[in-house]
Amino acid sequence: MTAAAHPNPPLKTVTIVGGGTAGWMAAALLSRLLLGAYTIRLIESEEIGTIGVGEATIPAIRTFNGLAGIDEFEMVRATQATFKLGIEFRNWRAPGHSYIHGFGKIGQDLYWLHCHQFWLKEAAHGRAKHFDHYALNTMAARMNRFAMPDPAHPNSPIADIDYAYHFDASLYARYLRVRAEKAGVERIEGRIVAANARASDGHLDHVVLADGRTVDGDLFLDCSGMRGLLIGEAMGVGYEDWSQWLLCDRALAVPSARGTGPLTPYTRSTAHGAGWQWRIPLQHRTGNGHVYASRFVSDDTAAAALLAHLDTPALGDPRPVRFRPGKRVRAWEKNVVALGLAGGFLEPLESTSIHLIQTGLLRLLALFPGRGFHAADIAEYNRQTDFEYRDVRDFIIAHYKVTQREDTPFWQYLRHMDVPDSLAERIELFRSSGRFFLHGKAELFREESWVQVLLGQGLAAQYDPMVDMVPDAQATAFLRDVEEVIAEVASGLPTHEAFIARHGQAPPLPA
């Protein structure tokens, strides 16, 4: 007996519009997981450059690499990568102050109470050190040391190390392109000049290239960057602007020489008068950029500030990028799904740009359409995307809102601005009791991240009153033990340079 055909038969062709990190991440993952059942092709033009300034990632990138079948150390060598334990924030709380938002666990719990609750009580009595001393990732970062987690020692902090990468985004895209093309992805060189929809249902039918060729598809992935060639221009999906909370709307990016100092296993974010500057160490150079609000500082002044704060000589002129913080009203419209900058832009303060490409792809796989393109699937994709963008948005806004700075009009505005209710409620709960609760499983930043940022930014929080159930002497001894164990384990790790030399040293680039 012949089985009945599925009422929503599979589509056949996925057409990716745009290369860069988003396009080649999509091509590499889909070609790996769709097992040759679909035709996958990617259109890009050598005439059109990519932004390519995103070089820092968060730990979830390891999940993507694993699904794509990527060997970790091969990728590190191919992309001139270094390892990342977290982000150092300089001058955010106040000029001269520094803290690290580290990945991984903070200390350990006592009963059901988290380590930061005891720190809040002890710090109020002057019996605690800087909060960086109570997490292995932050202390190892301060010491320029690195190791991977060791599950063979589950009772040691080393089991809880978490890490990501700094890599050259253009080399990462090139690496993924090679893998994708070997897996059968067809790359089409050409500049798109038109995108034509079907009159019958409004779905995109094909795109037209400058030389007259047409390329069709069943499903189109818009990886065309902030232009949103398909999702915005062809499908007419609007954009939700968040510039009332996120004032920065421009960036300048410039590489600088590698330098001779320690190879730091963390990203550095240094606040300036009307924005902030990133520093990302790679094996062959350092990535730098200044993200700023153009209403408070001129482009020339922003460029001068960037160049004045480089650790090493610049390797070129600063490259400008203009953006509008926010997101598409819908990331999936009919048979077009926007990925990366085509779907929205959130400044790279917490290295989320590449992650949002990744989660968009994983959501697409979970809700992969058939030819019917069911409305329920599309609605669920858009709901989850909306939740994720708003969640990340709130975390970024918190860095600006929770501060003691009022030394410039930029910081005065931010410190006193109204914020989304979802963030205001979270801040007030933490202020009242040091408590934090996830609003959903899909939240990107967990409790440890919020705790480190809110405390690092200087939020005056009370501790959970349940801490007083623990005798003072026991609480003091507990926190001191955590501090001593963290220091001992961190100091015993290899240096970041030594780890890379052993496992991921890239060959010299051609002159």
Protein backbone atom coordinates (compact mmCIF):
# COMPACT_ATOMS: atom_id res chain seq x y z
CA MET A 1 0.00 0.00 0.00
CA THR A 2 1.47 3.36 -1.01
CA ALA A 3 1.77 5.95 1.77
CA ALA A 4 -0.24 9.11 1.26
CA ALA A 5 1.72 12.21 0.33
CA HIS A 6 2.30 14.73 3.11
CA PRO A 7 -0.25 17.56 2.87
CA ASN A 8 2.60 20.09 3.21
CA PRO A 9 5.21 18.69 0.81
CA PRO A 10 8.84 19.75 1.18
CA LEU A 11 10.24 22.66 -0.75
CA LYS A 12 13.25 22.09 -2.95
CA THR A 13 15.38 25.21 -3.21
CA VAL A 14 16.81 27.59 -0.60
CA THR A 15 18.27 30.79 -2.06
CA ILE A 16 20.52 32.88 0.20
CA VAL A 17 20.88 36.52 -0.81
CA GLY A 18 24.13 38.02 0.49
CA GLY A 19 27.40 36.53 1.67
CA GLY A 20 29.41 37.79 4.61
CA THR A 21 29.13 36.16 8.00
CA ALA A 22 25.33 35.73 7.92
CA GLY A 23 25.14 34.27 4.43
CA TRP A 24 27.97 31.80 4.81
CA MET A 25 26.86 30.75 8.30
CA ALA A 26 23.48 29.90 6.76
CA ALA A 27 25.06 28.07 3.84
CA ALA A 28 27.48 26.08 6.00
CA LEU A 29 24.85 24.98 8.52
CA LEU A 30 22.05 24.19 6.09
CA SER A 31 24.33 22.26 3.75
CA ARG A 32 25.52 20.21 6.70
CA LEU A 33 22.09 19.44 8.22
CA LEU A 34 19.76 19.20 5.24
CA LEU A 35 21.77 16.22 3.99
CA GLY A 36 21.55 16.96 0.28
CA ALA A 37 17.75 16.89 0.24
CA TYR A 38 17.57 20.54 -0.83
CA THR A 39 19.31 22.68 -3.40
CA ILE A 40 21.11 25.50 -1.61
CA ARG A 41 22.61 28.45 -3.43
CA LEU A 42 24.04 31.78 -2.38
CA ILE A 43 24.14 35.00 -4.38
CA GLU A 44 26.77 37.61 -3.57
CA SER A 45 28.60 40.33 -5.40
CA GLU A 46 32.25 41.22 -5.12
CA GLU A 47 31.15 44.81 -5.82
CA ILE A 48 29.33 45.01 -2.50
CA GLY A 49 31.44 45.00 0.63
CA THR A 50 30.42 43.60 4.00
CA ILE A 51 30.55 45.38 7.34
CA GLY A 52 32.72 42.64 8.82
CA VAL A 53 33.58 44.39 12.10
CA GLY A 54 32.03 41.80 14.40
CA GLU A 55 34.93 39.77 15.73
CA ALA A 56 33.86 38.82 19.26
CA THR A 57 31.44 36.01 20.07
CA ILE A 58 29.68 34.45 23.05
CA PRO A 59 29.88 30.80 24.16
CA ALA A 60 26.87 29.61 22.15
CA ILE A 61 28.99 29.91 18.97
CA ARG A 62 30.48 26.57 19.98
CA THR A 63 27.04 24.99 19.52
CA PHE A 64 26.83 26.35 15.98
CA ASN A 65 30.34 25.14 15.15
CA GLY A 66 29.50 21.70 16.48
CA LEU A 67 26.31 21.44 14.43
CA ALA A 68 28.22 22.60 11.35
CA GLY A 69 30.83 19.86 11.92
CA ILE A 70 33.65 22.33 12.51
CA ASP A 71 36.83 21.23 14.24
CA GLU A 72 37.51 23.78 16.96
CA PHE A 73 41.27 24.13 16.65
CA GLU A 74 41.18 24.03 12.86
CA MET A 75 38.78 26.98 12.98
CA VAL A 76 40.98 28.83 15.48
CA ARG A 77 43.99 28.48 13.20
CA ALA A 78 42.07 29.40 10.05
CA THR A 79 40.58 32.58 11.54
CA GLN A 80 43.58 33.84 13.58
CA ALA A 81 41.36 33.38 16.64
CA THR A 82 41.98 33.85 20.32
CA PHE A 83 39.86 32.71 23.24
CA LYS A 84 37.43 34.87 25.16
CA LEU A 85 36.45 34.51 28.84
CA GLY A 86 34.34 37.66 29.02
CA ILE A 87 34.26 41.43 28.52
CA GLU A 88 36.04 44.06 30.57
CA PHE A 89 34.06 47.29 31.02
CA ARG A 90 36.21 50.33 31.70
CA ASN A 91 34.78 53.71 32.74
CA TRP A 92 31.17 52.54 32.46
CA ARG A 93 30.24 52.81 36.11
CA ALA A 94 32.47 55.86 36.60
CA PRO A 95 35.75 57.10 35.10
CA GLY A 96 38.58 54.91 36.34
CA HIS A 97 36.36 51.99 37.37
CA SER A 98 36.62 48.54 35.78
CA TYR A 99 34.80 45.23 36.04
CA ILE A 100 34.51 42.07 33.95
CA HIS A 101 31.35 40.39 32.75
CA GLY A 102 32.69 36.85 32.66
CA PHE A 103 31.14 33.74 31.21
CA GLY A 104 30.55 30.75 33.46
CA LYS A 105 29.56 30.34 37.08
CA ILE A 106 30.07 32.78 39.94
CA GLY A 107 31.67 31.03 42.92
CA GLN A 108 29.37 28.42 44.37
CA ASP A 109 26.05 28.30 46.19
CA LEU A 110 25.53 27.82 49.92
CA TYR A 111 22.29 25.98 50.50
CA TRP A 112 19.93 27.52 47.90
CA LEU A 113 21.51 30.97 48.09
CA HIS A 114 23.79 32.20 45.34
CA CYS A 115 27.29 33.48 45.99
CA HIS A 116 26.52 37.10 45.11
CA GLN A 117 24.00 37.28 47.96
CA PHE A 118 26.75 36.67 50.52
CA TRP A 119 29.00 39.11 48.68
CA LEU A 120 26.35 41.84 48.95
CA LYS A 121 26.18 41.40 52.73
CA GLU A 122 29.92 41.14 53.24
CA ALA A 123 30.67 44.08 50.92
CA ALA A 124 28.24 46.25 52.89
CA HIS A 125 30.43 45.61 55.95
CA GLY A 126 33.72 46.09 54.12
CA ARG A 127 34.63 42.42 54.29
CA ALA A 128 34.66 41.56 50.57
CA LYS A 129 36.99 42.23 47.68
CA HIS A 130 36.05 43.46 44.19
CA PHE A 131 33.39 41.14 42.78
CA ASP A 132 35.78 39.94 40.04
CA HIS A 133 37.55 37.85 42.70
CA TYR A 134 34.64 35.41 43.04
CA ALA A 135 34.37 33.91 39.55
CA LEU A 136 37.02 31.85 37.80
CA ASN A 137 36.43 33.39 34.37
CA THR A 138 36.95 36.92 35.64
CA MET A 139 40.04 36.12 37.70
CA ALA A 140 41.61 34.06 34.91
CA ALA A 141 40.93 36.94 32.52
CA ARG A 142 42.63 39.40 34.87
CA MET A 143 45.66 37.09 34.97
CA ASN A 144 45.67 36.53 31.17
CA ARG A 145 45.22 32.81 31.69
CA PHE A 146 43.03 30.32 29.88
CA ALA A 147 42.00 26.67 29.88
CA MET A 148 39.02 24.73 28.69
CA PRO A 149 36.53 23.26 31.17
CA ASP A 150 37.60 19.98 32.74
CA PRO A 151 34.57 17.76 33.52
CA ALA A 152 36.89 15.24 35.17
CA HIS A 153 36.97 17.60 38.18
CA PRO A 154 33.27 18.37 38.78
CA ASN A 155 33.90 19.78 42.25
CA SER A 156 36.46 22.30 41.04
CA PRO A 157 35.69 25.71 39.50
CA ILE A 158 37.59 24.54 36.42
CA ALA A 159 34.57 22.43 35.49
CA ASP A 160 32.53 25.64 35.08
CA ILE A 161 34.83 27.59 32.76
CA ASP A 162 32.90 28.87 29.77
CA TYR A 163 34.44 30.54 26.75
CA ALA A 164 33.95 31.94 23.27
CA TYR A 165 36.28 33.29 20.58
CA HIS A 166 37.66 36.42 19.04
CA PHE A 167 38.22 35.84 15.34
CA ASP A 168 38.65 37.69 12.08
CA ALA A 169 35.07 37.82 10.76
CA SER A 170 36.16 37.94 7.12
CA LEU A 171 38.38 34.88 7.62
CA TYR A 172 35.52 33.08 9.39
CA ALA A 173 33.18 33.77 6.47
CA ARG A 174 35.87 32.57 4.04
CA TYR A 175 36.39 29.42 6.10
CA LEU A 176 32.64 28.70 6.09
CA ARG A 177 32.43 29.38 2.37
CA VAL A 178 35.04 26.73 1.60
CA ARG A 179 33.16 24.19 3.70
CA ALA A 180 29.78 25.10 2.21
CA GLU A 181 30.96 24.91 -1.39
CA LYS A 182 32.59 21.54 -0.73
CA ALA A 183 29.22 20.38 0.63
CA GLY A 184 27.51 21.35 -2.61
CA VAL A 185 26.34 24.93 -2.10
CA GLU A 186 26.31 26.82 -5.39
CA ARG A 187 27.74 30.33 -5.21
CA ILE A 188 26.37 32.76 -7.79
CA GLU A 189 28.33 35.94 -8.43
CA GLY A 190 26.12 38.87 -9.24
CA ARG A 191 24.52 42.10 -8.07
CA ILE A 192 20.78 41.99 -7.54
CA VAL A 193 18.85 44.83 -9.19
CA ALA A 194 15.27 43.65 -8.67
CA ALA A 195 13.20 41.18 -6.65
CA ASN A 196 9.89 40.08 -8.14
CA ALA A 197 6.95 38.66 -6.23
CA ARG A 198 4.17 36.45 -7.55
CA ALA A 199 0.89 38.22 -8.19
CA SER A 200 -1.07 35.22 -6.91
CA ASP A 201 0.12 35.19 -3.29
CA GLY A 202 2.79 37.87 -2.86
CA HIS A 203 5.57 35.35 -2.30
CA LEU A 204 8.96 36.17 -3.76
CA ASP A 205 9.40 34.36 -7.05
CA HIS A 206 12.87 35.36 -8.24
CA VAL A 207 15.56 37.99 -8.13
CA VAL A 208 17.11 39.68 -11.14
CA LEU A 209 20.85 40.20 -11.49
CA ALA A 210 22.53 43.15 -13.16
CA ASP A 211 23.44 41.06 -16.20
CA GLY A 212 19.81 39.99 -16.71
CA ARG A 213 20.00 36.53 -15.17
CA THR A 214 17.19 35.49 -12.85
CA VAL A 215 17.49 33.24 -9.80
CA ASP A 216 14.38 31.68 -8.30
CA GLY A 217 13.81 29.83 -5.03
CA ASP A 218 11.18 28.33 -2.80
CA LEU A 219 12.60 29.86 0.39
CA PHE A 220 14.74 33.03 0.38
CA LEU A 221 17.10 33.99 3.20
CA ASP A 222 17.80 37.72 3.26
CA CYS A 223 21.41 38.18 4.38
CA SER A 224 21.82 41.46 2.53
CA GLY A 225 22.76 43.49 5.61
CA MET A 226 21.09 46.64 6.87
CA ARG A 227 19.66 47.39 3.44
CA GLY A 228 17.19 44.53 3.87
CA LEU A 229 16.95 44.06 0.12
CA LEU A 230 14.28 41.36 0.34
CA ILE A 231 12.58 41.76 3.72
CA GLY A 232 12.40 45.55 3.55
CA GLU A 233 12.52 46.69 -0.05
CA ALA A 234 10.73 43.76 -1.72
CA MET A 235 8.37 42.58 1.04
CA GLY A 236 7.75 45.98 2.61
CA VAL A 237 8.25 44.90 6.23
CA GLY A 238 8.75 47.91 8.49
CA TYR A 239 11.37 48.61 11.12
CA GLU A 240 10.91 49.19 14.85
CA ASP A 241 13.25 51.95 16.03
CA TRP A 242 14.76 51.77 19.55
CA SER A 243 16.90 54.89 19.42
CA GLN A 244 15.03 56.47 22.36
CA TRP A 245 16.97 54.04 24.61
CA LEU A 246 20.00 53.20 22.49
CA LEU A 247 21.47 56.53 21.43
CA CYS A 248 24.50 55.27 19.52
CA ASP A 249 23.91 55.31 15.77
CA ARG A 250 27.39 55.25 14.23
CA ALA A 251 30.63 53.33 14.49
CA LEU A 252 34.18 53.65 13.25
CA ALA A 253 36.28 50.50 12.90
CA VAL A 254 40.04 50.21 12.44
CA PRO A 255 42.56 47.39 12.90
CA SER A 256 45.83 48.00 14.69
CA ALA A 257 49.07 46.08 15.00
CA ARG A 258 49.31 42.98 17.18
CA GLY A 259 51.59 44.51 19.80
CA THR A 260 54.00 42.88 22.21
CA GLY A 261 51.94 42.83 25.41
CA PRO A 262 49.97 39.89 26.84
CA LEU A 263 47.33 38.38 24.56
CA THR A 264 44.29 39.13 26.68
CA PRO A 265 41.54 36.47 26.78
CA TYR A 266 38.76 39.05 26.93
CA THR A 267 37.17 41.84 24.94
CA ARG A 268 37.60 45.36 26.29
CA SER A 269 34.87 48.00 26.18
CA THR A 270 35.95 51.48 27.26
CA ALA A 271 33.28 54.13 27.74
CA HIS A 272 33.92 57.57 26.25
CA GLY A 273 32.00 60.82 26.50
CA ALA A 274 29.35 59.90 23.93
CA GLY A 275 29.80 56.18 23.34
CA TRP A 276 32.35 53.43 23.83
CA GLN A 277 35.39 51.81 22.23
CA TRP A 278 36.01 48.13 21.65
CA ARG A 279 39.33 46.31 21.67
CA ILE A 280 39.45 42.72 20.40
CA PRO A 281 42.79 40.84 20.41
CA LEU A 282 43.49 38.44 17.55
CA GLN A 283 46.61 36.44 16.83
CA HIS A 284 47.69 38.69 13.94
CA ARG A 285 46.23 42.08 14.87
CA THR A 286 43.87 43.93 17.20
CA GLY A 287 40.34 44.91 16.23
CA ASN A 288 39.18 48.34 17.40
CA GLY A 289 36.13 50.48 16.99
CA HIS A 290 34.26 53.46 18.44
CA VAL A 291 30.46 53.23 18.75
CA TYR A 292 28.96 56.66 19.36
CA ALA A 293 25.91 58.90 19.26
CA SER A 294 26.18 61.40 16.41
CA ARG A 295 23.89 63.89 18.12
CA PHE A 296 26.47 64.31 20.90
CA VAL A 297 29.80 64.07 19.07
CA SER A 298 31.02 64.82 15.55
CA ASP A 299 32.48 62.15 13.29
CA ASP A 300 35.88 63.84 13.32
CA THR A 301 35.97 64.05 17.12
CA ALA A 302 34.87 60.40 17.39
CA ALA A 303 37.64 59.34 15.00
CA ALA A 304 40.22 61.32 16.94
CA ALA A 305 39.11 59.68 20.20
CA LEU A 306 39.36 56.23 18.63
CA LEU A 307 42.86 56.76 17.27
CA ALA A 308 44.06 58.41 20.49
CA HIS A 309 43.13 55.35 22.54
CA LEU A 310 44.67 52.60 20.40
CA ASP A 311 47.26 50.40 22.10
CA THR A 312 49.21 49.93 18.87
CA PRO A 313 49.58 51.80 15.55
CA ALA A 314 46.55 51.81 13.26
CA LEU A 315 46.78 49.68 10.11
CA GLY A 316 44.48 51.91 8.08
CA ASP A 317 41.94 54.69 8.25
CA PRO A 318 38.81 54.27 10.42
CA ARG A 319 35.92 52.83 8.40
CA PRO A 320 32.51 54.37 9.10
CA VAL A 321 29.29 52.43 9.70
CA ARG A 322 25.88 54.02 10.18
CA PHE A 323 23.04 52.12 11.79
CA ARG A 324 19.65 52.45 13.40
CA PRO A 325 19.13 50.39 16.57
CA GLY A 326 16.03 48.24 16.38
CA LYS A 327 14.52 45.31 14.51
CA ARG A 328 12.24 44.38 11.66
CA VAL A 329 8.59 44.25 12.66
CA ARG A 330 8.62 40.69 11.34
CA ALA A 331 11.71 38.63 10.55
CA TRP A 332 9.77 36.13 8.43
CA GLU A 333 7.36 37.38 5.80
CA LYS A 334 5.75 34.92 3.35
CA ASN A 335 8.73 32.98 1.92
CA VAL A 336 11.47 35.43 3.01
CA VAL A 337 13.41 35.10 6.29
CA ALA A 338 15.76 37.91 7.37
CA LEU A 339 19.00 36.94 9.09
CA GLY A 340 21.70 39.10 10.62
CA LEU A 341 21.63 42.84 9.97
CA ALA A 342 18.72 42.48 7.55
CA GLY A 343 16.60 41.53 10.57
CA GLY A 344 17.81 44.18 13.00
CA PHE A 345 20.78 45.88 14.59
CA LEU A 346 21.82 45.94 18.23
CA GLU A 347 25.17 47.52 18.96
CA PRO A 348 27.92 44.95 19.62
CA LEU A 349 28.35 45.82 23.29
CA GLU A 350 27.77 42.22 24.39
CA SER A 351 28.94 40.52 21.17
CA THR A 352 25.47 39.36 20.15
CA SER A 353 25.49 40.03 16.38
CA ILE A 354 26.79 36.62 15.30
CA HIS A 355 24.69 34.92 17.97
CA LEU A 356 21.48 36.42 16.56
CA ILE A 357 22.37 34.95 13.16
CA GLN A 358 22.87 31.58 14.81
CA THR A 359 19.59 31.56 16.74
CA GLY A 360 17.71 32.75 13.66
CA LEU A 361 19.06 29.74 11.78
CA LEU A 362 18.25 27.30 14.57
CA ARG A 363 14.71 28.65 14.81
CA LEU A 364 14.35 28.26 11.07
CA LEU A 365 15.44 24.63 11.27
CA ALA A 366 12.98 23.98 14.11
CA LEU A 367 10.15 25.52 12.07
CA PHE A 368 11.39 24.65 8.61
CA PRO A 369 8.58 25.19 6.13
CA GLY A 370 7.02 23.02 3.52
CA ARG A 371 5.55 24.39 0.33
CA GLY A 372 2.48 25.44 2.26
CA PHE A 373 4.34 27.98 4.41
CA HIS A 374 1.88 27.57 7.28
CA ALA A 375 0.95 30.79 9.03
CA ALA A 376 1.30 29.20 12.48
CA ASP A 377 4.97 28.35 11.85
CA ILE A 378 5.73 31.84 10.61
CA ALA A 379 3.94 33.45 13.55
CA GLU A 380 5.86 31.33 16.06
CA TYR A 381 9.17 32.18 14.42
CA ASN A 382 8.36 35.87 14.61
CA ARG A 383 7.19 35.63 18.21
CA GLN A 384 10.41 33.96 19.32
CA THR A 385 12.55 36.40 17.35
CA ASP A 386 10.73 39.36 18.86
CA PHE A 387 11.23 37.99 22.38
CA GLU A 388 14.94 37.44 21.81
CA TYR A 389 15.63 40.87 20.37
CA ARG A 390 13.76 42.60 23.20
CA ASP A 391 15.57 40.48 25.78
CA VAL A 392 18.99 41.40 24.36
CA ARG A 393 17.89 45.03 23.97
CA ASP A 394 17.02 45.28 27.67
CA PHE A 395 20.39 43.84 28.71
CA ILE A 396 22.24 46.37 26.57
CA ILE A 397 20.12 49.26 27.84
CA ALA A 398 20.94 48.23 31.43
CA HIS A 399 24.62 49.05 30.82
CA TYR A 400 23.66 52.63 30.02
CA LYS A 401 20.88 53.15 32.57
CA VAL A 402 22.69 51.74 35.62
CA THR A 403 25.64 54.10 35.93
CA GLN A 404 27.01 56.78 38.19
CA ARG A 405 28.21 58.91 35.27
CA GLU A 406 26.73 62.33 34.59
CA ASP A 407 29.85 64.02 33.27
CA THR A 408 28.54 64.59 29.73
CA PRO A 409 25.08 65.29 28.23
CA PHE A 410 25.15 61.76 26.75
CA TRP A 411 25.50 60.11 30.18
CA GLN A 412 23.12 62.54 31.85
CA TYR A 413 20.39 61.58 29.40
CA LEU A 414 21.00 57.85 29.79
CA ARG A 415 21.13 57.80 33.56
CA HIS A 416 17.79 59.59 33.89
CA MET A 417 15.89 58.22 30.90
CA ASP A 418 12.80 56.07 31.20
CA VAL A 419 13.43 52.46 30.18
CA PRO A 420 11.10 49.68 28.99
CA ASP A 421 8.87 48.33 31.77
CA SER A 422 10.38 44.86 31.30
CA LEU A 423 13.79 46.26 32.29
CA ALA A 424 12.59 48.65 35.00
CA GLU A 425 10.84 45.81 36.84
CA ARG A 426 13.94 43.64 36.66
CA ILE A 427 16.18 46.39 38.02
CA GLU A 428 13.84 47.14 40.91
CA LEU A 429 13.57 43.49 41.92
CA PHE A 430 17.35 43.16 41.99
CA ARG A 431 17.72 46.44 43.86
CA SER A 432 15.32 45.28 46.57
CA SER A 433 16.75 41.82 47.23
CA GLY A 434 19.54 40.89 44.81
CA ARG A 435 17.10 38.43 43.23
CA PHE A 436 16.86 37.60 39.56
CA PHE A 437 14.53 35.29 37.67
CA LEU A 438 14.42 34.31 34.02
CA HIS A 439 11.29 35.28 32.15
CA GLY A 440 11.61 32.41 29.70
CA LYS A 441 13.88 29.59 28.58
CA ALA A 442 14.78 31.51 25.44
CA GLU A 443 16.57 34.27 27.35
CA LEU A 444 20.13 34.62 26.17
CA PHE A 445 21.72 36.18 29.23
CA ARG A 446 21.41 34.13 32.39
CA GLU A 447 21.45 35.22 36.02
CA GLU A 448 25.25 35.32 36.27
CA SER A 449 25.46 37.84 33.43
CA TRP A 450 22.84 40.16 34.89
CA VAL A 451 24.40 39.94 38.36
CA GLN A 452 27.88 40.87 37.12
CA VAL A 453 26.65 43.76 35.00
CA LEU A 454 24.21 45.25 37.53
CA LEU A 455 26.74 45.04 40.36
CA GLY A 456 29.60 46.11 38.09
CA GLN A 457 27.64 49.14 36.94
CA GLY A 458 27.12 50.13 40.56
CA LEU A 459 23.48 49.26 41.29
CA ALA A 460 22.95 49.62 45.05
CA ALA A 461 21.21 46.34 45.88
CA GLN A 462 20.09 44.82 49.17
CA TYR A 463 20.86 41.17 49.82
CA ASP A 464 18.24 38.45 50.15
CA PRO A 465 17.03 38.52 53.78
CA MET A 466 17.35 34.73 53.86
CA VAL A 467 21.13 35.24 54.01
CA ASP A 468 20.71 36.25 57.65
CA MET A 469 19.73 32.66 58.45
CA VAL A 470 23.43 31.84 58.03
CA PRO A 471 25.56 32.93 61.02
CA ASP A 472 27.82 35.86 60.20
CA ALA A 473 31.02 33.96 60.92
CA GLN A 474 29.97 31.14 58.59
CA ALA A 475 29.01 33.56 55.81
CA THR A 476 32.34 35.38 56.09
CA ALA A 477 34.31 32.11 56.06
CA PHE A 478 32.30 30.81 53.10
CA LEU A 479 33.02 33.85 50.95
CA ARG A 480 36.70 33.85 51.90
CA ASP A 481 36.96 30.18 50.91
CA VAL A 482 35.41 30.93 47.52
CA GLU A 483 37.88 33.76 46.98
CA GLU A 484 40.89 31.63 47.91
CA VAL A 485 39.89 28.65 45.77
CA ILE A 486 39.19 30.85 42.75
CA ALA A 487 42.58 32.58 43.10
CA GLU A 488 44.43 29.28 43.46
CA VAL A 489 42.77 27.64 40.46
CA ALA A 490 43.13 30.73 38.23
CA SER A 491 46.83 31.10 38.99
CA GLY A 492 47.40 27.45 38.08
CA LEU A 493 46.01 27.80 34.54
CA PRO A 494 48.35 28.21 31.57
CA THR A 495 48.76 31.63 30.04
CA HIS A 496 46.51 32.46 27.11
CA GLU A 497 49.54 32.68 24.79
CA ALA A 498 50.83 29.31 25.92
CA PHE A 499 47.45 27.65 25.35
CA ILE A 500 47.17 29.05 21.83
CA ALA A 501 50.77 28.14 21.02
CA ARG A 502 50.01 24.56 21.98
CA HIS A 503 46.58 24.13 20.40
CA GLY A 504 45.67 26.85 17.94
CA GLN A 505 48.66 28.79 16.63
CA ALA A 506 47.82 30.06 13.15
CA PRO A 507 50.46 30.02 10.42
CA PRO A 508 51.82 33.46 9.48
CA LEU A 509 49.69 35.36 6.99
CA PRO A 510 51.31 36.02 3.60
CA ALA A 511 52.98 39.42 3.35
